[in-house]
């Protein structure tokens, strides 16, 4: 993407041990880096080391992107933003919709919060550890005013009948565990629902295959991956990302047409 836009940027993968995170963040300032992405286990630990958080990152309680504005480090979370843009790209808007999300971990949390900020009518969090799901639901209601509830995840449970958008926010189905899918009642999925998955490797997950068999529109995880990358690109460079090139590169990576 940088090459396509003629930008003299480089994107480097750097392994940072947990105990070295404070020094690494100081290096962002010292080296004049424009920004970074962070993965587990740094998404929460980095917060006290930053100067500012976006509204979404503050509510989510995790950061996956940092922007360096003249030495001032701003934390952002682009996972949920990427998923919502992917929804819109596929003709699905979250405003006034009931979004049901499986899981309450990092990706699920980001998507649920962004959906609430975008005007969702209701958020339902389904999680095996009900206390974690309840904490997320309460945070959403308190911080955004959107109605949110948590349900315990029982094996083979039905999807709520008034669901508009169903999202698998867990890693179930991620390579090499491609034969797995979330254990819900797939017969409860209806053609009026939009069903999406954060898993992108393999993007044609068994979860989405089962939803499609019920007549639901499906959106795979590649869109979220490309769109959150495009959001990062714009935050760092101020330039619109060459999205088609990014999407084509991802498709080639996974052997898709």
Protein backbone atom coordinates (compact mmCIF):
# COMPACT_ATOMS: atom_id res chain seq x y z
CA UNK A 1 0.00 0.00 0.00
CA UNK A 2 2.86 2.40 0.82
CA UNK A 3 4.52 1.58 -2.49
CA UNK A 4 1.29 2.08 -4.42
CA UNK A 5 0.93 5.57 -2.95
CA UNK A 6 4.60 6.46 -3.46
CA UNK A 7 5.18 6.88 0.28
CA UNK A 8 8.61 6.36 1.82
CA UNK A 9 7.28 4.34 4.74
CA UNK A 10 8.30 0.92 6.07
CA UNK A 11 6.21 -1.48 8.16
CA UNK A 12 8.42 -3.61 10.41
CA UNK A 13 7.62 -6.58 12.63
CA UNK A 14 9.42 -6.23 15.96
CA UNK A 15 9.20 -8.68 18.85
CA UNK A 16 9.02 -6.87 22.19
CA UNK A 17 9.14 -8.71 25.52
CA UNK A 18 6.62 -7.64 28.15
CA UNK A 19 9.30 -6.23 30.42
CA UNK A 20 10.71 -4.16 27.54
CA UNK A 21 7.46 -2.45 26.57
CA UNK A 22 8.18 0.89 28.34
CA UNK A 23 11.55 1.14 26.59
CA UNK A 24 9.97 0.23 23.25
CA UNK A 25 7.39 3.00 23.61
CA UNK A 26 10.16 5.48 24.42
CA UNK A 27 11.88 4.29 21.24
CA UNK A 28 8.79 5.27 19.23
CA UNK A 29 9.40 8.84 20.35
CA UNK A 30 13.20 8.66 20.10
CA UNK A 31 13.21 7.21 16.58
CA UNK A 32 10.43 9.48 15.39
CA UNK A 33 8.24 6.56 14.35
CA UNK A 34 4.95 7.72 12.88
CA UNK A 35 3.05 4.96 14.64
CA UNK A 36 2.83 1.31 15.60
CA UNK A 37 0.42 -1.57 15.92
CA UNK A 38 0.41 -3.71 19.05
CA UNK A 39 -0.76 -7.26 19.61
CA UNK A 40 -1.26 -9.44 22.67
CA UNK A 41 0.10 -9.12 25.38
CA UNK A 42 0.69 -5.36 24.97
CA UNK A 43 -2.77 -3.99 24.13
CA UNK A 44 -3.69 -3.16 27.72
CA UNK A 45 -0.24 -2.73 29.26
CA UNK A 46 0.59 0.09 26.83
CA UNK A 47 -2.22 2.37 28.02
CA UNK A 48 -0.40 3.98 31.00
CA UNK A 49 2.53 4.70 28.69
CA UNK A 50 0.48 6.84 26.27
CA UNK A 51 -0.50 10.51 26.38
CA UNK A 52 -4.06 10.22 25.10
CA UNK A 53 -6.72 7.67 24.12
CA UNK A 54 -9.49 7.89 21.57
CA UNK A 55 -13.03 7.60 22.92
CA UNK A 56 -13.37 4.06 21.59
CA UNK A 57 -10.00 2.89 22.93
CA UNK A 58 -10.81 4.30 26.37
CA UNK A 59 -14.14 2.45 26.53
CA UNK A 60 -12.73 -0.77 25.05
CA UNK A 61 -9.81 -0.65 27.46
CA UNK A 62 -7.32 -1.85 24.85
CA UNK A 63 -5.14 -0.27 22.16
CA UNK A 64 -3.96 -1.87 18.92
CA UNK A 65 -2.71 1.30 17.22
CA UNK A 66 -0.57 4.23 18.35
CA UNK A 67 -0.16 7.48 16.39
CA UNK A 68 2.83 9.71 17.10
CA UNK A 69 1.82 13.35 16.81
CA UNK A 70 5.08 15.27 17.31
CA UNK A 71 6.08 13.15 20.29
CA UNK A 72 2.57 12.91 21.73
CA UNK A 73 1.41 9.29 21.58
CA UNK A 74 -2.29 8.70 20.96
CA UNK A 75 -3.83 5.26 21.45
CA UNK A 76 -6.56 4.00 19.14
CA UNK A 77 -8.35 0.70 18.53
CA UNK A 78 -9.13 0.01 14.88
CA UNK A 79 -10.48 -3.57 15.05
CA UNK A 80 -14.09 -2.56 15.60
CA UNK A 81 -13.84 0.31 13.13
CA UNK A 82 -12.56 -2.11 10.50
CA UNK A 83 -15.47 -4.47 11.03
CA UNK A 84 -18.08 -1.70 10.82
CA UNK A 85 -16.59 -0.38 7.58
CA UNK A 86 -16.62 -3.93 6.24
CA UNK A 87 -20.30 -4.17 7.18
CA UNK A 88 -21.06 -0.93 5.33
CA UNK A 89 -19.09 -2.11 2.30
CA UNK A 90 -21.45 -5.11 2.20
CA UNK A 91 -24.62 -3.02 2.55
CA UNK A 92 -25.07 -3.59 6.28
CA UNK A 93 -25.48 -0.67 8.71
CA UNK A 94 -25.49 -1.15 12.49
CA UNK A 95 -27.57 1.93 13.31
CA UNK A 96 -30.84 0.91 14.99
CA UNK A 97 -29.91 -2.78 14.71
CA UNK A 98 -29.65 -5.52 17.33
CA UNK A 99 -26.09 -6.86 17.23
CA UNK A 100 -25.36 -10.20 18.90
CA UNK A 101 -21.72 -11.07 19.44
CA UNK A 102 -20.21 -14.38 20.47
CA UNK A 103 -17.34 -13.82 22.89
CA UNK A 104 -16.15 -10.95 25.07
CA UNK A 105 -12.43 -10.87 24.29
CA UNK A 106 -10.42 -8.22 22.48
CA UNK A 107 -12.00 -8.32 19.02
CA UNK A 108 -15.51 -8.90 20.35
CA UNK A 109 -15.14 -6.03 22.80
CA UNK A 110 -13.92 -3.64 20.11
CA UNK A 111 -16.76 -4.52 17.73
CA UNK A 112 -19.44 -4.27 20.41
CA UNK A 113 -18.24 -0.84 21.58
CA UNK A 114 -17.92 0.55 18.06
CA UNK A 115 -21.40 -0.74 17.19
CA UNK A 116 -22.80 1.03 20.24
CA UNK A 117 -21.02 4.27 19.33
CA UNK A 118 -22.43 3.94 15.80
CA UNK A 119 -26.01 3.88 17.10
CA UNK A 120 -26.90 0.21 17.44
CA UNK A 121 -30.30 -0.29 19.05
CA UNK A 122 -29.19 -3.14 21.29
CA UNK A 123 -26.05 -5.20 21.96
CA UNK A 124 -26.18 -8.78 23.25
CA UNK A 125 -22.94 -10.39 24.44
CA UNK A 126 -22.90 -14.18 24.62
CA UNK A 127 -19.89 -15.52 26.50
CA UNK A 128 -18.93 -18.68 28.36
CA UNK A 129 -17.71 -16.64 31.35
CA UNK A 130 -20.88 -14.72 32.06
CA UNK A 131 -19.15 -12.30 34.45
CA UNK A 132 -16.85 -11.11 31.65
CA UNK A 133 -19.80 -10.73 29.30
CA UNK A 134 -21.76 -8.84 31.94
CA UNK A 135 -18.87 -6.44 32.55
CA UNK A 136 -18.74 -5.63 28.84
CA UNK A 137 -22.51 -5.15 28.62
CA UNK A 138 -22.53 -2.87 31.67
CA UNK A 139 -19.62 -0.85 30.28
CA UNK A 140 -21.45 -0.34 26.99
CA UNK A 141 -24.66 0.78 28.68
CA UNK A 142 -22.90 3.09 31.15
CA UNK A 143 -20.53 4.69 28.64
CA UNK A 144 -22.73 4.89 25.52
CA UNK A 145 -26.32 4.70 26.76
CA UNK A 146 -27.09 1.79 24.41
CA UNK A 147 -29.09 -1.10 25.84
CA UNK A 148 -26.77 -4.08 26.34
CA UNK A 149 -27.20 -7.46 27.95
CA UNK A 150 -25.07 -10.54 28.61
CA UNK A 151 -26.22 -14.13 28.17
CA UNK A 152 -24.38 -17.26 29.29
CA UNK A 153 -23.15 -19.38 26.38
CA UNK A 154 -24.70 -22.82 26.67
CA UNK A 155 -23.93 -25.50 24.09
CA UNK A 156 -26.42 -25.52 21.22
CA UNK A 157 -28.17 -22.37 22.40
CA UNK A 158 -30.41 -20.56 19.89
CA UNK A 159 -29.61 -17.13 18.47
CA UNK A 160 -32.08 -14.52 19.82
CA UNK A 161 -34.97 -14.26 17.36
CA UNK A 162 -34.75 -10.48 16.94
CA UNK A 163 -31.05 -10.57 15.98
CA UNK A 164 -30.16 -8.37 13.00
CA UNK A 165 -26.39 -8.96 12.97
CA UNK A 166 -24.60 -11.99 14.43
CA UNK A 167 -20.81 -11.90 14.84
CA UNK A 168 -18.40 -14.62 15.88
CA UNK A 169 -15.92 -12.60 17.91
CA UNK A 170 -13.97 -15.65 19.08
CA UNK A 171 -10.98 -17.46 17.56
CA UNK A 172 -13.01 -20.65 17.01
CA UNK A 173 -12.30 -21.76 13.44
CA UNK A 174 -8.92 -20.04 13.20
CA UNK A 175 -6.17 -22.05 11.44
CA UNK A 176 -5.20 -24.79 12.19
CA UNK A 177 -8.55 -25.44 13.91
CA UNK A 178 -10.50 -24.86 10.68
CA UNK A 179 -12.88 -27.76 11.29
CA UNK A 180 -14.42 -26.10 14.37
CA UNK A 181 -17.33 -23.71 14.66
CA UNK A 182 -19.09 -22.01 17.60
CA UNK A 183 -21.55 -24.41 19.21
CA UNK A 184 -24.91 -22.72 18.72
CA UNK A 185 -28.23 -23.79 17.19
CA UNK A 186 -27.69 -22.95 13.53
CA UNK A 187 -31.33 -23.69 12.74
CA UNK A 188 -32.17 -20.50 14.68
CA UNK A 189 -30.33 -18.37 12.09
CA UNK A 190 -32.78 -16.82 9.61
CA UNK A 191 -32.39 -15.26 6.14
CA UNK A 192 -33.05 -11.79 7.57
CA UNK A 193 -29.83 -11.93 9.61
CA UNK A 194 -26.36 -10.78 8.58
CA UNK A 195 -23.69 -13.12 9.93
CA UNK A 196 -20.00 -12.22 10.17
CA UNK A 197 -16.80 -13.78 11.48
CA UNK A 198 -13.59 -12.16 12.74
CA UNK A 199 -11.65 -15.27 11.70
CA UNK A 200 -9.84 -14.68 8.41
CA UNK A 201 -7.55 -17.69 8.18
CA UNK A 202 -9.36 -19.69 6.65
CA UNK A 203 -11.92 -16.97 5.67
CA UNK A 204 -14.53 -19.50 4.54
CA UNK A 205 -15.22 -20.69 8.08
CA UNK A 206 -17.61 -23.48 8.99
CA UNK A 207 -19.53 -20.87 10.99
CA UNK A 208 -20.19 -18.83 7.86
CA UNK A 209 -20.90 -21.93 5.77
CA UNK A 210 -23.58 -23.00 8.23
CA UNK A 211 -25.11 -19.50 8.31
CA UNK A 212 -25.18 -19.33 4.51
CA UNK A 213 -26.96 -22.69 4.42
CA UNK A 214 -29.73 -21.03 6.45
CA UNK A 215 -30.04 -18.26 3.86
CA UNK A 216 -28.26 -15.54 5.84
CA UNK A 217 -25.97 -12.97 4.23
CA UNK A 218 -22.39 -13.67 5.33
CA UNK A 219 -19.35 -11.40 5.65
CA UNK A 220 -15.93 -12.98 6.18
CA UNK A 221 -13.05 -11.69 8.28
CA UNK A 222 -10.87 -10.53 5.39
CA UNK A 223 -12.92 -7.35 5.08
CA UNK A 224 -12.32 -6.46 8.71
CA UNK A 225 -8.59 -7.17 8.33
CA UNK A 226 -8.25 -5.02 5.23
CA UNK A 227 -10.41 -2.19 6.55
CA UNK A 228 -8.66 -1.89 9.90
CA UNK A 229 -5.39 -1.78 7.98
CA UNK A 230 -6.83 0.98 5.81
CA UNK A 231 -7.86 2.92 8.93
CA UNK A 232 -4.32 2.59 10.30
CA UNK A 233 -2.88 3.72 6.95
CA UNK A 234 -4.98 6.89 6.98
CA UNK A 235 -4.20 7.66 10.64
CA UNK A 236 -0.46 7.43 10.05
CA UNK A 237 -0.13 8.99 6.60
CA UNK A 238 -3.13 11.28 6.22
CA UNK A 239 -3.64 9.63 2.83
CA UNK A 240 -6.57 7.44 1.79
CA UNK A 241 -5.46 3.83 1.62
CA UNK A 242 -5.39 1.94 -1.71
CA UNK A 243 -8.03 -0.46 -0.43
CA UNK A 244 -8.42 -2.49 -3.60
CA UNK A 245 -4.70 -3.26 -3.66
CA UNK A 246 -4.81 -4.25 0.00
CA UNK A 247 -7.83 -6.50 -0.52
CA UNK A 248 -6.32 -8.09 -3.64
CA UNK A 249 -3.08 -8.76 -1.76
CA UNK A 250 -4.96 -10.48 1.05
CA UNK A 251 -6.99 -12.58 -1.37
CA UNK A 252 -3.82 -13.68 -3.14
CA UNK A 253 -2.28 -14.55 0.22
CA UNK A 254 -5.18 -16.87 0.99
CA UNK A 255 -5.54 -18.24 -2.54
CA UNK A 256 -8.92 -16.60 -3.21
CA UNK A 257 -10.24 -15.23 -6.49
